[in-house]
Amino acid sequence: NETARMEALCKSLNINLIVSQTFREGLGSSEHRLVHLGQHRLRGLREPKSLYTIAEVPAP
């Protein structure tokens, strides 16, 4: 399951959230700022996937 693989990658990269390119495209023009994490090969998938996380926003 791709989602489970992305969750495992969160732990190894020490980040809270990873989203796929498909999710990013589904956001359309959003106020959320995503940071590209690069291409990652997820176990069980042939092609590497472009993955993103939400940029940290300083507290007001």
PDB file of N, CA and C in Angstrom:
ATOM      1  N   ASN A   1       0.837  -1.173   0.000  1.00  0.00           N
ATOM      2  CA  ASN A   1       0.000   0.000   0.000  1.00  0.00           C
ATOM      3  C   ASN A   1       0.890   1.247   0.000  1.00  0.00           C
ATOM      4  N   GLU A   2       0.669   2.106  -0.971  1.00  0.00           N
ATOM      5  CA  GLU A   2       1.513   3.295  -1.143  1.00  0.00           C
ATOM      6  C   GLU A   2       1.467   4.217   0.077  1.00  0.00           C
ATOM      7  N   THR A   3       0.305   4.360   0.667  1.00  0.00           N
ATOM      8  CA  THR A   3       0.162   5.232   1.834  1.00  0.00           C
ATOM      9  C   THR A   3       0.998   4.735   3.004  1.00  0.00           C
ATOM     10  N   ALA A   4       0.996   3.440   3.226  1.00  0.00           N
ATOM     11  CA  ALA A   4       1.796   2.858   4.311  1.00  0.00           C
ATOM     12  C   ALA A   4       3.283   3.084   4.062  1.00  0.00           C
ATOM     13  N   ARG A   5       3.705   3.004   2.815  1.00  0.00           N
ATOM     14  CA  ARG A   5       5.117   3.239   2.479  1.00  0.00           C
ATOM     15  C   ARG A   5       5.494   4.698   2.744  1.00  0.00           C
ATOM     16  N   MET A   6       4.579   5.615   2.424  1.00  0.00           N
ATOM     17  CA  MET A   6       4.836   7.030   2.672  1.00  0.00           C
ATOM     18  C   MET A   6       4.877   7.308   4.172  1.00  0.00           C
ATOM     19  N   GLU A   7       4.038   6.631   4.928  1.00  0.00           N
ATOM     20  CA  GLU A   7       4.051   6.788   6.391  1.00  0.00           C
ATOM     21  C   GLU A   7       5.383   6.324   6.975  1.00  0.00           C
ATOM     22  N   ALA A   8       5.898   5.213   6.480  1.00  0.00           N
ATOM     23  CA  ALA A   8       7.190   4.715   6.953  1.00  0.00           C
ATOM     24  C   ALA A   8       8.307   5.702   6.607  1.00  0.00           C
ATOM     25  N   LEU A   9       8.206   6.313   5.440  1.00  0.00           N
ATOM     26  CA  LEU A   9       9.209   7.295   5.029  1.00  0.00           C
ATOM     27  C   LEU A   9       9.166   8.528   5.933  1.00  0.00           C
ATOM     28  N   CYS A  10       7.977   8.909   6.394  1.00  0.00           N
ATOM     29  CA  CYS A  10       7.850  10.024   7.357  1.00  0.00           C
ATOM     30  C   CYS A  10       8.745   9.772   8.558  1.00  0.00           C
ATOM     31  N   LYS A  11       8.680   8.570   9.070  1.00  0.00           N
ATOM     32  CA  LYS A  11       9.469   8.228  10.255  1.00  0.00           C
ATOM     33  C   LYS A  11      10.958   8.317   9.968  1.00  0.00           C
ATOM     34  N   SER A  12      11.375   7.790   8.823  1.00  0.00           N
ATOM     35  CA  SER A  12      12.811   7.792   8.534  1.00  0.00           C
ATOM     36  C   SER A  12      13.335   9.189   8.211  1.00  0.00           C
ATOM     37  N   LEU A  13      12.476  10.078   7.683  1.00  0.00           N
ATOM     38  CA  LEU A  13      12.889  11.454   7.385  1.00  0.00           C
ATOM     39  C   LEU A  13      12.596  12.408   8.537  1.00  0.00           C
ATOM     40  N   ASN A  14      11.946  11.886   9.585  1.00  0.00           N
ATOM     41  CA  ASN A  14      11.589  12.670  10.770  1.00  0.00           C
ATOM     42  C   ASN A  14      10.724  13.888  10.426  1.00  0.00           C
ATOM     43  N   ILE A  15       9.690  13.635   9.611  1.00  0.00           N
ATOM     44  CA  ILE A  15       8.707  14.672   9.292  1.00  0.00           C
ATOM     45  C   ILE A  15       7.315  14.116   9.567  1.00  0.00           C
ATOM     46  N   ASN A  16       6.351  15.008   9.721  1.00  0.00           N
ATOM     47  CA  ASN A  16       5.010  14.594  10.127  1.00  0.00           C
ATOM     48  C   ASN A  16       4.085  14.198   8.991  1.00  0.00           C
ATOM     49  N   LEU A  17       4.322  14.713   7.792  1.00  0.00           N
ATOM     50  CA  LEU A  17       3.383  14.488   6.700  1.00  0.00           C
ATOM     51  C   LEU A  17       4.108  14.427   5.372  1.00  0.00           C
ATOM     52  N   ILE A  18       3.743  13.456   4.562  1.00  0.00           N
ATOM     53  CA  ILE A  18       4.223  13.358   3.189  1.00  0.00           C
ATOM     54  C   ILE A  18       2.999  13.206   2.300  1.00  0.00           C
ATOM     55  N   VAL A  19       2.987  13.951   1.194  1.00  0.00           N
ATOM     56  CA  VAL A  19       1.906  13.817   0.222  1.00  0.00           C
ATOM     57  C   VAL A  19       2.505  13.528  -1.150  1.00  0.00           C
ATOM     58  N   SER A  20       1.704  12.913  -1.988  1.00  0.00           N
ATOM     59  CA  SER A  20       2.140  12.527  -3.324  1.00  0.00           C
ATOM     60  C   SER A  20       1.945  13.667  -4.322  1.00  0.00           C
ATOM     61  N   GLN A  21       2.508  13.491  -5.495  1.00  0.00           N
ATOM     62  CA  GLN A  21       2.324  14.432  -6.601  1.00  0.00           C
ATOM     63  C   GLN A  21       0.836  14.524  -6.949  1.00  0.00           C
ATOM     64  N   THR A  22       0.149  13.407  -6.938  1.00  0.00           N
ATOM     65  CA  THR A  22      -1.282  13.382  -7.248  1.00  0.00           C
ATOM     66  C   THR A  22      -2.063  14.239  -6.257  1.00  0.00           C
ATOM     67  N   PHE A  23      -1.743  14.111  -4.970  1.00  0.00           N
ATOM     68  CA  PHE A  23      -2.393  14.926  -3.943  1.00  0.00           C
ATOM     69  C   PHE A  23      -2.095  16.398  -4.185  1.00  0.00           C
ATOM     70  N   ARG A  24      -0.843  16.698  -4.471  1.00  0.00           N
ATOM     71  CA  ARG A  24      -0.431  18.086  -4.723  1.00  0.00           C
ATOM     72  C   ARG A  24      -1.226  18.680  -5.875  1.00  0.00           C
ATOM     73  N   GLU A  25      -1.364  17.934  -6.954  1.00  0.00           N
ATOM     74  CA  GLU A  25      -2.114  18.411  -8.112  1.00  0.00           C
ATOM     75  C   GLU A  25      -3.586  18.613  -7.769  1.00  0.00           C
ATOM     76  N   GLY A  26      -4.123  17.789  -6.882  1.00  0.00           N
ATOM     77  CA  GLY A  26      -5.515  17.906  -6.473  1.00  0.00           C
ATOM     78  C   GLY A  26      -5.799  19.145  -5.645  1.00  0.00           C
ATOM     79  N   LEU A  27      -4.767  19.724  -5.045  1.00  0.00           N
ATOM     80  CA  LEU A  27      -4.957  20.936  -4.247  1.00  0.00           C
ATOM     81  C   LEU A  27      -5.304  22.145  -5.102  1.00  0.00           C
ATOM     82  N   GLY A  28      -4.898  22.113  -6.366  1.00  0.00           N
ATOM     83  CA  GLY A  28      -5.124  23.270  -7.222  1.00  0.00           C
ATOM     84  C   GLY A  28      -4.344  24.460  -6.707  1.00  0.00           C
ATOM     85  N   SER A  29      -4.952  25.629  -6.808  1.00  0.00           N
ATOM     86  CA  SER A  29      -4.283  26.831  -6.293  1.00  0.00           C
ATOM     87  C   SER A  29      -4.630  26.953  -4.816  1.00  0.00           C
ATOM     88  N   SER A  30      -3.716  26.521  -4.020  1.00  0.00           N
ATOM     89  CA  SER A  30      -3.935  26.465  -2.580  1.00  0.00           C
ATOM     90  C   SER A  30      -2.972  27.396  -1.868  1.00  0.00           C
ATOM     91  N   GLU A  31      -3.349  27.778  -0.674  1.00  0.00           N
ATOM     92  CA  GLU A  31      -2.461  28.609   0.133  1.00  0.00           C
ATOM     93  C   GLU A  31      -1.382  27.780   0.820  1.00  0.00           C
ATOM     94  N   HIS A  32      -1.544  26.462   0.799  1.00  0.00           N
ATOM     95  CA  HIS A  32      -0.552  25.602   1.441  1.00  0.00           C
ATOM     96  C   HIS A  32       0.741  25.622   0.637  1.00  0.00           C
ATOM     97  N   ARG A  33       1.820  25.780   1.326  1.00  0.00           N
ATOM     98  CA  ARG A  33       3.128  25.776   0.666  1.00  0.00           C
ATOM     99  C   ARG A  33       3.750  24.411   0.854  1.00  0.00           C
ATOM    100  N   LEU A  34       3.988  23.749  -0.250  1.00  0.00           N
ATOM    101  CA  LEU A  34       4.568  22.417  -0.200  1.00  0.00           C
ATOM    102  C   LEU A  34       6.040  22.476  -0.569  1.00  0.00           C
ATOM    103  N   VAL A  35       6.817  21.642   0.078  1.00  0.00           N
ATOM    104  CA  VAL A  35       8.250  21.528  -0.178  1.00  0.00           C
ATOM    105  C   VAL A  35       8.485  20.186  -0.859  1.00  0.00           C
ATOM    106  N   HIS A  36       9.146  20.233  -2.011  1.00  0.00           N
ATOM    107  CA  HIS A  36       9.439  19.003  -2.747  1.00  0.00           C
ATOM    108  C   HIS A  36      10.542  18.239  -2.025  1.00  0.00           C
ATOM    109  N   LEU A  37      10.279  16.988  -1.730  1.00  0.00           N
ATOM    110  CA  LEU A  37      11.260  16.137  -1.045  1.00  0.00           C
ATOM    111  C   LEU A  37      12.104  15.344  -2.027  1.00  0.00           C
ATOM    112  N   GLY A  38      11.832  15.506  -3.308  1.00  0.00           N
ATOM    113  CA  GLY A  38      12.564  14.774  -4.325  1.00  0.00           C
ATOM    114  C   GLY A  38      11.844  13.500  -4.730  1.00  0.00           C
ATOM    115  N   GLN A  39      12.540  12.710  -5.509  1.00  0.00           N
ATOM    116  CA  GLN A  39      12.021  11.431  -5.986  1.00  0.00           C
ATOM    117  C   GLN A  39      12.413  10.349  -4.990  1.00  0.00           C
ATOM    118  N   HIS A  40      11.450   9.550  -4.597  1.00  0.00           N
ATOM    119  CA  HIS A  40      11.716   8.461  -3.662  1.00  0.00           C
ATOM    120  C   HIS A  40      11.129   7.172  -4.208  1.00  0.00           C
ATOM    121  N   ARG A  41      11.914   6.126  -4.109  1.00  0.00           N
ATOM    122  CA  ARG A  41      11.439   4.809  -4.533  1.00  0.00           C
ATOM    123  C   ARG A  41      10.776   4.148  -3.329  1.00  0.00           C
ATOM    124  N   LEU A  42       9.481   3.907  -3.464  1.00  0.00           N
ATOM    125  CA  LEU A  42       8.726   3.259  -2.397  1.00  0.00           C
ATOM    126  C   LEU A  42       8.715   1.758  -2.646  1.00  0.00           C
ATOM    127  N   ARG A  43       8.907   1.003  -1.594  1.00  0.00           N
ATOM    128  CA  ARG A  43       8.960  -0.455  -1.703  1.00  0.00           C
ATOM    129  C   ARG A  43       7.697  -0.974  -2.387  1.00  0.00           C
ATOM    130  N   GLY A  44       7.897  -1.849  -3.353  1.00  0.00           N
ATOM    131  CA  GLY A  44       6.783  -2.461  -4.059  1.00  0.00           C
ATOM    132  C   GLY A  44       6.335  -1.704  -5.300  1.00  0.00           C
ATOM    133  N   LEU A  45       6.901  -0.521  -5.538  1.00  0.00           N
ATOM    134  CA  LEU A  45       6.550   0.251  -6.728  1.00  0.00           C
ATOM    135  C   LEU A  45       7.763   0.335  -7.641  1.00  0.00           C
ATOM    136  N   ARG A  46       7.527   0.232  -8.930  1.00  0.00           N
ATOM    137  CA  ARG A  46       8.636   0.245  -9.887  1.00  0.00           C
ATOM    138  C   ARG A  46       9.275   1.618 -10.036  1.00  0.00           C
ATOM    139  N   GLU A  47       8.437   2.621 -10.191  1.00  0.00           N
ATOM    140  CA  GLU A  47       8.936   3.966 -10.474  1.00  0.00           C
ATOM    141  C   GLU A  47       9.030   4.803  -9.200  1.00  0.00           C
ATOM    142  N   PRO A  48      10.065   5.637  -9.105  1.00  0.00           N
ATOM    143  CA  PRO A  48      10.138   6.558  -7.963  1.00  0.00           C
ATOM    144  C   PRO A  48       8.997   7.568  -8.041  1.00  0.00           C
ATOM    145  N   LYS A  49       8.599   8.082  -6.900  1.00  0.00           N
ATOM    146  CA  LYS A  49       7.490   9.033  -6.804  1.00  0.00           C
ATOM    147  C   LYS A  49       8.000  10.380  -6.314  1.00  0.00           C
ATOM    148  N   SER A  50       7.453  11.459  -6.877  1.00  0.00           N
ATOM    149  CA  SER A  50       7.721  12.798  -6.351  1.00  0.00           C
ATOM    150  C   SER A  50       6.893  12.968  -5.094  1.00  0.00           C
ATOM    151  N   LEU A  51       7.552  13.314  -4.006  1.00  0.00           N
ATOM    152  CA  LEU A  51       6.867  13.454  -2.729  1.00  0.00           C
ATOM    153  C   LEU A  51       7.089  14.853  -2.164  1.00  0.00           C
ATOM    154  N   TYR A  52       6.136  15.297  -1.353  1.00  0.00           N
ATOM    155  CA  TYR A  52       6.130  16.655  -0.811  1.00  0.00           C
ATOM    156  C   TYR A  52       5.755  16.626   0.662  1.00  0.00           C
ATOM    157  N   THR A  53       6.101  17.701   1.352  1.00  0.00           N
ATOM    158  CA  THR A  53       5.639  17.923   2.712  1.00  0.00           C
ATOM    159  C   THR A  53       5.209  19.379   2.820  1.00  0.00           C
ATOM    160  N   ILE A  54       4.460  19.697   3.853  1.00  0.00           N
ATOM    161  CA  ILE A  54       4.017  21.072   4.054  1.00  0.00           C
ATOM    162  C   ILE A  54       5.149  21.865   4.696  1.00  0.00           C
ATOM    163  N   ALA A  55       5.406  23.051   4.138  1.00  0.00           N
ATOM    164  CA  ALA A  55       6.455  23.920   4.672  1.00  0.00           C
ATOM    165  C   ALA A  55       6.063  24.395   6.057  1.00  0.00           C
ATOM    166  N   GLU A  56       7.044  24.503   6.922  1.00  0.00           N
ATOM    167  CA  GLU A  56       6.786  25.019   8.265  1.00  0.00           C
ATOM    168  C   GLU A  56       6.500  26.512   8.184  1.00  0.00           C
ATOM    169  N   VAL A  57       5.490  26.917   8.924  1.00  0.00           N
ATOM    170  CA  VAL A  57       5.117  28.328   8.982  1.00  0.00           C
ATOM    171  C   VAL A  57       5.429  28.824  10.387  1.00  0.00           C
ATOM    172  N   PRO A  58       6.169  29.926  10.501  1.00  0.00           N
ATOM    173  CA  PRO A  58       6.495  30.432  11.835  1.00  0.00           C
ATOM    174  C   PRO A  58       5.226  30.804  12.610  1.00  0.00           C
ATOM    175  N   ALA A  59       5.246  30.554  13.887  1.00  0.00           N
ATOM    176  CA  ALA A  59       4.107  30.902  14.742  1.00  0.00           C
ATOM    177  C   ALA A  59       3.973  32.419  14.824  1.00  0.00           C
ATOM    178  N   PRO A  60       2.739  32.914  14.885  1.00  0.00           N
ATOM    179  CA  PRO A  60       2.544  34.381  14.955  1.00  0.00           C
ATOM    180  C   PRO A  60       3.010  34.952  16.279  1.00  0.00           C
TER     181      PRO A  60
END
